[in-house]
């Protein structure tokens, strides 16, 4: 099994799409960090909508954005790459324009803006993964996907910090941040489009005979549960710390900052370190680590108010390591399993499962937490362990597994050689018969 054991920055940048594309990712992430964490506040402070109405509109936008994924997958399978990435950014520009144009109290324009932002946010991961899979292969592709995630988290964190510094300006500051976000999306779209990366559908036409995309039912179902770990630092832990343990919000902030720093600094090294193992094994192991961290949160919460908060912060590091392992292997596994001619649809289905998990996780987490911490962490741990087991036991049906084994190829070659020799002899015999008096 080929592994990547060294980090070569220049090679990593090339494998990630090149310097201009990396800059596009950074600008896009920075703009997203300026607005996305504060979209709820924009609806409440600028448009003067109630919190429940704002939340419902945002959720509806996210869920409706998932509907676009099949179309995105088909577009990618026609060869488009950087064009789809740029389109996912331009759609969000339209969302920001609608946001700025919405008058106070106008919920439908806000819902439309959330829809366009949701479409862009859902389409981008699949388009980005398809582009990286086109310019890089094997474990180099895995490292490039990890680098993209690290860069995006860095941009999101920096954008959120900048936005936090300006929030004292109230509604006017939020409108300015939205405008800057739109400009950032537009600049990122132009940079991404200028890369001009495209797959050649003719080059993969021969693979159509290999059959359709692998179903990956277990993997997709497990992914719905796995992605809950992404919302644990932002939703579950602050909910437990503030409402049930009466801890200072400072602890929640510490967890969020630690999560961001760990992802930015460790995503690429950990992905490269684990490249000596199969992607499926790493994905299953990440589920075990995440489930163990959930049980750790349950145990930490029983320590009492003095020790519970710092213990939860420490265990959140374990959860983040599981998240890093998951993120470094899940998309890479889908890209490795899918034949090239259906790569876009496979990545779109994977993003559909991830988007669905992220959409329902806040409601599931808050509902379980209302029944106590044992119900929350016990249920999440059990579901994640079951998902890890499903991932480990599902058989791969990717291109490598669909190809005939070497012994079968050798037998076919022998038969072909026998046919050629037989035909050659027949031609010689006919030539001799024609030449006879």
Foldseek 3Di string as FASTA:
>chain_A
DDAFQDDDPQLLCQLQLHDLLLVLLLLLLLLCLQAVVCLLVLLCFQQVDDSVLSVVLLLVLQLLLLVCLQVLLVVVLQWDALLQLLVLLVLLLVLLVLSLPDHHPDSVSPSVSSNSPNNSVLSNVLSSLSLSCQRDDDLSSLLSLLQSQLSSLVSSVNNNVVNVVQCVVTNVSNNVSSVSSSVSSNSSSVSSVVSPGTGDSVVQPVVVVLDAWDPCVLLLQLLLLVLLLVCCLPAQVCCCCCVPLVHDCVLSVLLVVVLSVCSNPCLNVVLSVCRVDALLLLQLVLLLQLLVLLVQLVVLSPPHSVRSSVSNSVSSVSSSVSVSSNSSRSSVVQCQATRSSSSSVSSSSSSSSSSNSVSCSNVVQVVQVVVPSCSRSVVSSVSSNVSSVSSNPDDGRGPVNSDDDPVVVVVVVVVVVVVVVVVVVVVVVVVVVVPDD
